[in-house]
Amino acid sequence: MDPEKWFAQYDEKLQAAAASANKADQALREVGGAATSPDGEVTVRVTANGGLADLVLRPGVRDLEPEHLARVILETSRHAQRDAGKQVLDVMTKFVGEGAALEAVRQNLPQGYTGDDAPVDPTARRGPRTDDDYFDSPPEVTKEY
């Protein structure tokens, strides 16, 4: 094969891959999850990575005990994160299809969303660490000067 023709074909493939990556990036920037508590008093919106983007508390939350309100906020956040996770999977499936790349995305979604609608144990990925967890894998401690 002529080297110039090969380089031209290779350049076309690179440009197509870059265009596809840009489309995926733009689509992911538009992803966000949202959920409202069953009583309608708490609404949470999150970004594609599950980070909090907005929290709306309606007047009825004043009547809730603080511990109960905290649980409602966390549970509603989990639902919003699962919503975002579903959208991320939809976008990435479109761009990379089934395979190792999609599986890597699936394994790193917030709240352990894997593409099914089954409830997820909220402690399955980010739950509180036990003493055994801590001593088996202590956090890395560094000091900067």
N, C-alpha and C. Protein backbone atom coordinates (compact mmCIF):
# COMPACT_ATOMS: atom_id res chain seq x y z
N MET A 1 0.85 -1.18 0.00
CA MET A 1 0.00 0.00 0.00
C MET A 1 0.90 1.24 0.00
N ASP A 2 0.46 2.21 -0.71
CA ASP A 2 1.17 3.49 -0.80
C ASP A 2 1.17 4.15 0.58
N PRO A 3 2.34 4.56 1.11
CA PRO A 3 2.41 5.17 2.44
C PRO A 3 1.55 6.43 2.57
N GLU A 4 1.48 7.24 1.55
CA GLU A 4 0.67 8.46 1.62
C GLU A 4 -0.81 8.12 1.74
N LYS A 5 -1.22 7.10 0.99
CA LYS A 5 -2.63 6.67 1.07
C LYS A 5 -2.93 6.10 2.46
N TRP A 6 -1.99 5.32 3.00
CA TRP A 6 -2.17 4.74 4.33
C TRP A 6 -2.28 5.85 5.38
N PHE A 7 -1.40 6.84 5.32
CA PHE A 7 -1.45 7.95 6.27
C PHE A 7 -2.76 8.75 6.12
N ALA A 8 -3.23 8.91 4.91
CA ALA A 8 -4.49 9.63 4.69
C ALA A 8 -5.65 8.86 5.32
N GLN A 9 -5.67 7.54 5.12
CA GLN A 9 -6.73 6.72 5.73
C GLN A 9 -6.64 6.76 7.26
N TYR A 10 -5.42 6.69 7.76
CA TYR A 10 -5.21 6.73 9.21
C TYR A 10 -5.67 8.07 9.77
N ASP A 11 -5.36 9.15 9.08
CA ASP A 11 -5.77 10.48 9.50
C ASP A 11 -7.30 10.59 9.51
N GLU A 12 -7.96 10.02 8.52
CA GLU A 12 -9.42 10.02 8.47
C GLU A 12 -10.00 9.29 9.68
N LYS A 13 -9.41 8.15 10.01
CA LYS A 13 -9.87 7.38 11.17
C LYS A 13 -9.69 8.18 12.46
N LEU A 14 -8.56 8.86 12.59
CA LEU A 14 -8.32 9.68 13.78
C LEU A 14 -9.32 10.83 13.88
N GLN A 15 -9.59 11.46 12.76
CA GLN A 15 -10.56 12.55 12.75
C GLN A 15 -11.96 12.06 13.10
N ALA A 16 -12.33 10.90 12.59
CA ALA A 16 -13.64 10.31 12.91
C ALA A 16 -13.72 9.97 14.40
N ALA A 17 -12.64 9.41 14.95
CA ALA A 17 -12.62 9.09 16.38
C ALA A 17 -12.71 10.35 17.22
N ALA A 18 -12.00 11.40 16.82
CA ALA A 18 -12.05 12.67 17.56
C ALA A 18 -13.45 13.28 17.50
N ALA A 19 -14.08 13.21 16.34
CA ALA A 19 -15.44 13.75 16.20
C ALA A 19 -16.42 12.96 17.08
N SER A 20 -16.26 11.65 17.11
CA SER A 20 -17.12 10.82 17.95
C SER A 20 -16.90 11.13 19.43
N ALA A 21 -15.64 11.31 19.83
CA ALA A 21 -15.34 11.65 21.22
C ALA A 21 -15.93 13.00 21.59
N ASN A 22 -15.88 13.94 20.68
CA ASN A 22 -16.47 15.26 20.94
C ASN A 22 -17.98 15.17 21.10
N LYS A 23 -18.62 14.35 20.27
CA LYS A 23 -20.07 14.17 20.38
C LYS A 23 -20.43 13.52 21.71
N ALA A 24 -19.66 12.52 22.11
CA ALA A 24 -19.90 11.85 23.39
C ALA A 24 -19.70 12.83 24.54
N ASP A 25 -18.64 13.62 24.47
CA ASP A 25 -18.37 14.62 25.51
C ASP A 25 -19.54 15.60 25.63
N GLN A 26 -20.03 16.09 24.51
CA GLN A 26 -21.15 17.03 24.53
C GLN A 26 -22.40 16.37 25.10
N ALA A 27 -22.66 15.14 24.69
CA ALA A 27 -23.84 14.43 25.20
C ALA A 27 -23.74 14.22 26.70
N LEU A 28 -22.55 13.89 27.21
CA LEU A 28 -22.38 13.67 28.65
C LEU A 28 -22.51 14.97 29.43
N ARG A 29 -22.13 16.10 28.83
CA ARG A 29 -22.29 17.39 29.50
C ARG A 29 -23.76 17.73 29.73
N GLU A 30 -24.62 17.16 28.92
CA GLU A 30 -26.05 17.43 29.03
C GLU A 30 -26.76 16.46 29.98
N VAL A 31 -26.05 15.44 30.43
CA VAL A 31 -26.64 14.44 31.32
C VAL A 31 -26.75 15.00 32.74
N GLY A 32 -27.83 14.66 33.38
CA GLY A 32 -28.02 15.01 34.78
C GLY A 32 -29.21 14.23 35.30
N GLY A 33 -29.15 13.87 36.55
CA GLY A 33 -30.25 13.12 37.14
C GLY A 33 -31.07 14.00 38.06
N ALA A 34 -32.30 13.61 38.27
CA ALA A 34 -33.18 14.34 39.18
C ALA A 34 -34.13 13.37 39.85
N ALA A 35 -34.50 13.71 41.07
CA ALA A 35 -35.47 12.91 41.81
C ALA A 35 -36.16 13.79 42.84
N THR A 36 -37.38 13.43 43.15
CA THR A 36 -38.16 14.12 44.18
C THR A 36 -38.61 13.08 45.18
N SER A 37 -38.54 13.42 46.45
CA SER A 37 -38.95 12.50 47.50
C SER A 37 -40.43 12.15 47.34
N PRO A 38 -40.87 11.00 47.88
CA PRO A 38 -42.26 10.59 47.74
C PRO A 38 -43.26 11.63 48.27
N ASP A 39 -42.88 12.38 49.30
CA ASP A 39 -43.79 13.39 49.84
C ASP A 39 -43.71 14.71 49.09
N GLY A 40 -42.80 14.81 48.11
CA GLY A 40 -42.68 16.01 47.30
C GLY A 40 -41.94 17.17 47.96
N GLU A 41 -41.40 16.94 49.15
CA GLU A 41 -40.78 18.03 49.89
C GLU A 41 -39.30 18.25 49.56
N VAL A 42 -38.65 17.25 48.96
CA VAL A 42 -37.22 17.35 48.65
C VAL A 42 -37.01 17.00 47.18
N THR A 43 -36.31 17.86 46.46
CA THR A 43 -35.93 17.59 45.08
C THR A 43 -34.42 17.75 44.97
N VAL A 44 -33.81 16.77 44.30
CA VAL A 44 -32.35 16.76 44.14
C VAL A 44 -32.03 16.64 42.65
N ARG A 45 -31.06 17.43 42.21
CA ARG A 45 -30.53 17.30 40.85
C ARG A 45 -29.03 17.06 40.97
N VAL A 46 -28.53 16.14 40.14
CA VAL A 46 -27.11 15.80 40.17
C VAL A 46 -26.51 15.87 38.77
N THR A 47 -25.20 15.99 38.72
CA THR A 47 -24.47 15.98 37.46
C THR A 47 -24.27 14.55 36.99
N ALA A 48 -23.65 14.39 35.84
CA ALA A 48 -23.42 13.06 35.27
C ALA A 48 -22.61 12.17 36.20
N ASN A 49 -21.70 12.75 36.98
CA ASN A 49 -20.89 11.93 37.89
C ASN A 49 -21.54 11.77 39.25
N GLY A 50 -22.77 12.24 39.41
CA GLY A 50 -23.50 12.06 40.66
C GLY A 50 -23.32 13.18 41.66
N GLY A 51 -22.53 14.21 41.31
CA GLY A 51 -22.32 15.33 42.22
C GLY A 51 -23.56 16.20 42.32
N LEU A 52 -23.80 16.71 43.50
CA LEU A 52 -24.98 17.55 43.74
C LEU A 52 -24.93 18.82 42.91
N ALA A 53 -26.00 19.08 42.17
CA ALA A 53 -26.10 20.29 41.35
C ALA A 53 -27.15 21.24 41.92
N ASP A 54 -28.19 20.69 42.56
CA ASP A 54 -29.26 21.52 43.10
C ASP A 54 -30.02 20.73 44.17
N LEU A 55 -30.44 21.44 45.18
CA LEU A 55 -31.23 20.84 46.26
C LEU A 55 -32.35 21.81 46.59
N VAL A 56 -33.58 21.33 46.48
CA VAL A 56 -34.74 22.16 46.79
C VAL A 56 -35.46 21.55 47.98
N LEU A 57 -35.62 22.35 49.03
CA LEU A 57 -36.36 21.93 50.22
C LEU A 57 -37.62 22.78 50.30
N ARG A 58 -38.76 22.14 50.33
CA ARG A 58 -40.02 22.86 50.39
C ARG A 58 -40.41 23.08 51.85
N PRO A 59 -41.34 23.99 52.12
CA PRO A 59 -41.66 24.38 53.50
C PRO A 59 -42.01 23.23 54.43
N GLY A 60 -42.57 22.15 53.92
CA GLY A 60 -42.95 21.02 54.76
C GLY A 60 -41.79 20.36 55.48
N VAL A 61 -40.56 20.56 55.01
CA VAL A 61 -39.41 19.92 55.67
C VAL A 61 -39.19 20.48 57.07
N ARG A 62 -39.74 21.64 57.35
CA ARG A 62 -39.58 22.23 58.69
C ARG A 62 -40.20 21.34 59.77
N ASP A 63 -41.16 20.52 59.38
CA ASP A 63 -41.84 19.65 60.34
C ASP A 63 -41.12 18.32 60.54
N LEU A 64 -40.08 18.05 59.78
CA LEU A 64 -39.37 16.79 59.88
C LEU A 64 -38.25 16.86 60.90
N GLU A 65 -38.02 15.74 61.56
CA GLU A 65 -36.88 15.64 62.46
C GLU A 65 -35.60 15.70 61.62
N PRO A 66 -34.55 16.31 62.12
CA PRO A 66 -33.32 16.43 61.33
C PRO A 66 -32.79 15.11 60.79
N GLU A 67 -32.81 14.07 61.61
CA GLU A 67 -32.30 12.77 61.15
C GLU A 67 -33.15 12.22 60.01
N HIS A 68 -34.46 12.40 60.11
CA HIS A 68 -35.36 11.93 59.06
C HIS A 68 -35.13 12.73 57.78
N LEU A 69 -34.98 14.04 57.91
CA LEU A 69 -34.73 14.89 56.75
C LEU A 69 -33.43 14.48 56.06
N ALA A 70 -32.40 14.20 56.85
CA ALA A 70 -31.12 13.77 56.28
C ALA A 70 -31.30 12.48 55.49
N ARG A 71 -32.05 11.51 56.03
CA ARG A 71 -32.29 10.25 55.32
C ARG A 71 -33.06 10.49 54.03
N VAL A 72 -34.05 11.38 54.06
CA VAL A 72 -34.84 11.68 52.86
C VAL A 72 -33.95 12.31 51.79
N ILE A 73 -33.10 13.24 52.20
CA ILE A 73 -32.20 13.89 51.24
C ILE A 73 -31.25 12.86 50.63
N LEU A 74 -30.66 12.01 51.46
CA LEU A 74 -29.73 11.01 50.94
C LEU A 74 -30.42 10.01 50.01
N GLU A 75 -31.59 9.54 50.39
CA GLU A 75 -32.31 8.58 49.55
C GLU A 75 -32.72 9.23 48.22
N THR A 76 -33.18 10.46 48.28
CA THR A 76 -33.57 11.16 47.06
C THR A 76 -32.34 11.40 46.18
N SER A 77 -31.20 11.68 46.81
CA SER A 77 -29.95 11.85 46.06
C SER A 77 -29.57 10.55 45.36
N ARG A 78 -29.73 9.43 46.04
CA ARG A 78 -29.42 8.13 45.42
C ARG A 78 -30.28 7.90 44.17
N HIS A 79 -31.55 8.25 44.27
CA HIS A 79 -32.44 8.08 43.12
C HIS A 79 -32.00 8.98 41.97
N ALA A 80 -31.61 10.21 42.27
CA ALA A 80 -31.14 11.12 41.23
C ALA A 80 -29.84 10.61 40.62
N GLN A 81 -28.96 10.05 41.44
CA GLN A 81 -27.70 9.51 40.93
C GLN A 81 -27.95 8.30 40.03
N ARG A 82 -28.92 7.47 40.39
CA ARG A 82 -29.26 6.33 39.54
C ARG A 82 -29.83 6.81 38.21
N ASP A 83 -30.63 7.88 38.26
CA ASP A 83 -31.17 8.47 37.04
C ASP A 83 -30.03 8.95 36.14
N ALA A 84 -29.07 9.63 36.73
CA ALA A 84 -27.90 10.10 35.96
C ALA A 84 -27.11 8.91 35.41
N GLY A 85 -26.93 7.88 36.22
CA GLY A 85 -26.21 6.69 35.78
C GLY A 85 -26.86 6.04 34.58
N LYS A 86 -28.17 5.96 34.59
CA LYS A 86 -28.90 5.39 33.45
C LYS A 86 -28.64 6.21 32.20
N GLN A 87 -28.68 7.52 32.34
CA GLN A 87 -28.44 8.38 31.18
C GLN A 87 -27.01 8.23 30.65
N VAL A 88 -26.05 8.15 31.57
CA VAL A 88 -24.65 7.97 31.17
C VAL A 88 -24.50 6.67 30.39
N LEU A 89 -25.10 5.60 30.90
CA LEU A 89 -25.03 4.31 30.19
C LEU A 89 -25.67 4.39 28.81
N ASP A 90 -26.79 5.08 28.72
CA ASP A 90 -27.45 5.24 27.42
C ASP A 90 -26.54 5.96 26.43
N VAL A 91 -25.91 7.05 26.87
CA VAL A 91 -25.01 7.81 26.01
C VAL A 91 -23.81 6.96 25.61
N MET A 92 -23.19 6.33 26.58
CA MET A 92 -21.97 5.57 26.28
C MET A 92 -22.25 4.33 25.44
N THR A 93 -23.39 3.72 25.62
CA THR A 93 -23.75 2.57 24.79
C THR A 93 -23.85 3.00 23.33
N LYS A 94 -24.41 4.17 23.12
CA LYS A 94 -24.54 4.70 21.75
C LYS A 94 -23.16 4.92 21.12
N PHE A 95 -22.19 5.38 21.90
CA PHE A 95 -20.90 5.74 21.32
C PHE A 95 -19.87 4.61 21.32
N VAL A 96 -19.90 3.74 22.33
CA VAL A 96 -18.87 2.69 22.39
C VAL A 96 -19.44 1.29 22.22
N GLY A 97 -20.75 1.14 22.33
CA GLY A 97 -21.36 -0.17 22.21
C GLY A 97 -21.01 -1.06 23.38
N GLU A 98 -21.52 -2.28 23.34
CA GLU A 98 -21.21 -3.24 24.40
C GLU A 98 -19.75 -3.64 24.31
N GLY A 99 -19.15 -3.89 25.46
CA GLY A 99 -17.76 -4.32 25.46
C GLY A 99 -17.04 -3.84 26.70
N ALA A 100 -15.73 -3.94 26.66
CA ALA A 100 -14.90 -3.61 27.83
C ALA A 100 -15.02 -2.15 28.22
N ALA A 101 -15.10 -1.25 27.25
CA ALA A 101 -15.19 0.18 27.57
C ALA A 101 -16.49 0.48 28.31
N LEU A 102 -17.59 -0.09 27.83
CA LEU A 102 -18.87 0.14 28.50
C LEU A 102 -18.88 -0.50 29.89
N GLU A 103 -18.26 -1.66 30.00
CA GLU A 103 -18.20 -2.33 31.32
C GLU A 103 -17.41 -1.48 32.30
N ALA A 104 -16.35 -0.83 31.86
CA ALA A 104 -15.58 0.06 32.74
C ALA A 104 -16.43 1.23 33.20
N VAL A 105 -17.22 1.77 32.31
CA VAL A 105 -18.14 2.86 32.68
C VAL A 105 -19.15 2.34 33.69
N ARG A 106 -19.73 1.20 33.39
CA ARG A 106 -20.76 0.60 34.25
C ARG A 106 -20.24 0.37 35.67
N GLN A 107 -18.99 -0.06 35.80
CA GLN A 107 -18.42 -0.35 37.11
C GLN A 107 -18.16 0.90 37.95
N ASN A 108 -18.16 2.06 37.32
CA ASN A 108 -17.81 3.28 38.04
C ASN A 108 -18.95 4.29 38.12
N LEU A 109 -20.16 3.82 37.90
CA LEU A 109 -21.30 4.72 38.00
C LEU A 109 -21.66 4.97 39.45
N PRO A 110 -22.24 6.15 39.74
CA PRO A 110 -22.62 6.43 41.13
C PRO A 110 -23.68 5.47 41.63
N GLN A 111 -23.57 5.15 42.89
CA GLN A 111 -24.54 4.28 43.58
C GLN A 111 -24.64 2.90 42.96
N GLY A 112 -23.63 2.46 42.25
CA GLY A 112 -23.60 1.10 41.75
C GLY A 112 -24.62 0.78 40.69
N TYR A 113 -25.14 1.75 39.99
CA TYR A 113 -26.11 1.49 38.93
C TYR A 113 -25.44 0.69 37.83
N THR A 114 -26.03 -0.42 37.43
CA THR A 114 -25.40 -1.28 36.43
C THR A 114 -26.26 -1.46 35.19
N GLY A 115 -27.32 -0.71 35.08
CA GLY A 115 -28.15 -0.83 33.90
C GLY A 115 -29.44 -1.57 34.14
N ASP A 116 -29.63 -2.05 35.34
CA ASP A 116 -30.89 -2.72 35.65
C ASP A 116 -31.71 -1.77 36.54
N ASP A 117 -32.92 -2.14 36.81
CA ASP A 117 -33.75 -1.29 37.66
C ASP A 117 -33.91 -1.86 39.07
N ALA A 118 -33.06 -2.82 39.40
CA ALA A 118 -33.12 -3.40 40.74
C ALA A 118 -32.62 -2.40 41.76
N PRO A 119 -33.18 -2.42 42.96
CA PRO A 119 -32.69 -1.52 43.99
C PRO A 119 -31.23 -1.83 44.32
N VAL A 120 -30.50 -0.80 44.67
CA VAL A 120 -29.09 -0.96 44.99
C VAL A 120 -28.89 -0.69 46.47
N ASP A 121 -28.11 -1.53 47.10
CA ASP A 121 -27.76 -1.32 48.50
C ASP A 121 -26.88 -0.08 48.57
N PRO A 122 -27.32 0.98 49.30
CA PRO A 122 -26.56 2.22 49.32
C PRO A 122 -25.17 2.07 49.94
N THR A 123 -24.93 1.00 50.70
CA THR A 123 -23.61 0.82 51.30
C THR A 123 -22.72 -0.10 50.47
N ALA A 124 -23.24 -0.58 49.33
CA ALA A 124 -22.50 -1.54 48.53
C ALA A 124 -21.19 -0.98 48.01
N ARG A 125 -21.14 0.27 47.72
CA ARG A 125 -19.91 0.86 47.18
C ARG A 125 -19.30 1.90 48.10
N ARG A 126 -20.11 2.67 48.76
CA ARG A 126 -19.57 3.78 49.52
C ARG A 126 -20.00 3.76 50.98
N GLY A 127 -20.33 2.61 51.46
CA GLY A 127 -20.84 2.52 52.81
C GLY A 127 -19.78 2.85 53.85
N PRO A 128 -20.21 2.94 55.08
CA PRO A 128 -19.24 3.22 56.14
C PRO A 128 -18.21 2.12 56.24
N ARG A 129 -16.99 2.51 56.51
CA ARG A 129 -15.91 1.54 56.64
C ARG A 129 -15.92 0.97 58.05
N THR A 130 -15.70 -0.33 58.13
CA THR A 130 -15.58 -0.96 59.44
C THR A 130 -14.13 -0.83 59.89
N ASP A 131 -13.87 -1.17 61.15
CA ASP A 131 -12.50 -1.15 61.64
C ASP A 131 -11.62 -2.09 60.83
N ASP A 132 -12.16 -3.27 60.48
CA ASP A 132 -11.39 -4.22 59.68
C ASP A 132 -11.03 -3.61 58.32
N ASP A 133 -12.00 -2.93 57.68
CA ASP A 133 -11.71 -2.27 56.40
C ASP A 133 -10.59 -1.26 56.56
N TYR A 134 -10.65 -0.50 57.62
CA TYR A 134 -9.65 0.55 57.85
C TYR A 134 -8.25 -0.04 58.00
N PHE A 135 -8.14 -1.07 58.83
CA PHE A 135 -6.81 -1.63 59.09
C PHE A 135 -6.31 -2.52 57.94
N ASP A 136 -7.25 -3.13 57.19
CA ASP A 136 -6.84 -3.90 56.02
C ASP A 136 -6.37 -2.99 54.89
N SER A 137 -6.96 -1.82 54.80
CA SER A 137 -6.62 -0.88 53.73
C SER A 137 -6.69 0.55 54.27
N PRO A 138 -5.70 0.95 55.05
CA PRO A 138 -5.76 2.30 55.65
C PRO A 138 -5.64 3.37 54.58
N PRO A 139 -6.23 4.54 54.84
CA PRO A 139 -6.11 5.62 53.87
C PRO A 139 -4.66 6.08 53.77
N GLU A 140 -4.31 6.53 52.59
CA GLU A 140 -2.96 7.02 52.40
C GLU A 140 -2.86 8.41 53.03
N VAL A 141 -1.87 8.59 53.85
CA VAL A 141 -1.69 9.86 54.51
C VAL A 141 -0.39 10.47 53.99
N THR A 142 -0.50 11.66 53.49
CA THR A 142 0.70 12.35 53.00
C THR A 142 0.77 13.73 53.61
N LYS A 143 1.94 14.23 53.68
CA LYS A 143 2.14 15.57 54.22
C LYS A 143 2.91 16.36 53.20
N GLU A 144 2.38 17.51 52.83
CA GLU A 144 3.06 18.35 51.87
C GLU A 144 3.74 19.49 52.59
N TYR A 145 4.92 19.81 52.15
CA TYR A 145 5.67 20.92 52.76
C TYR A 145 5.76 22.07 51.83
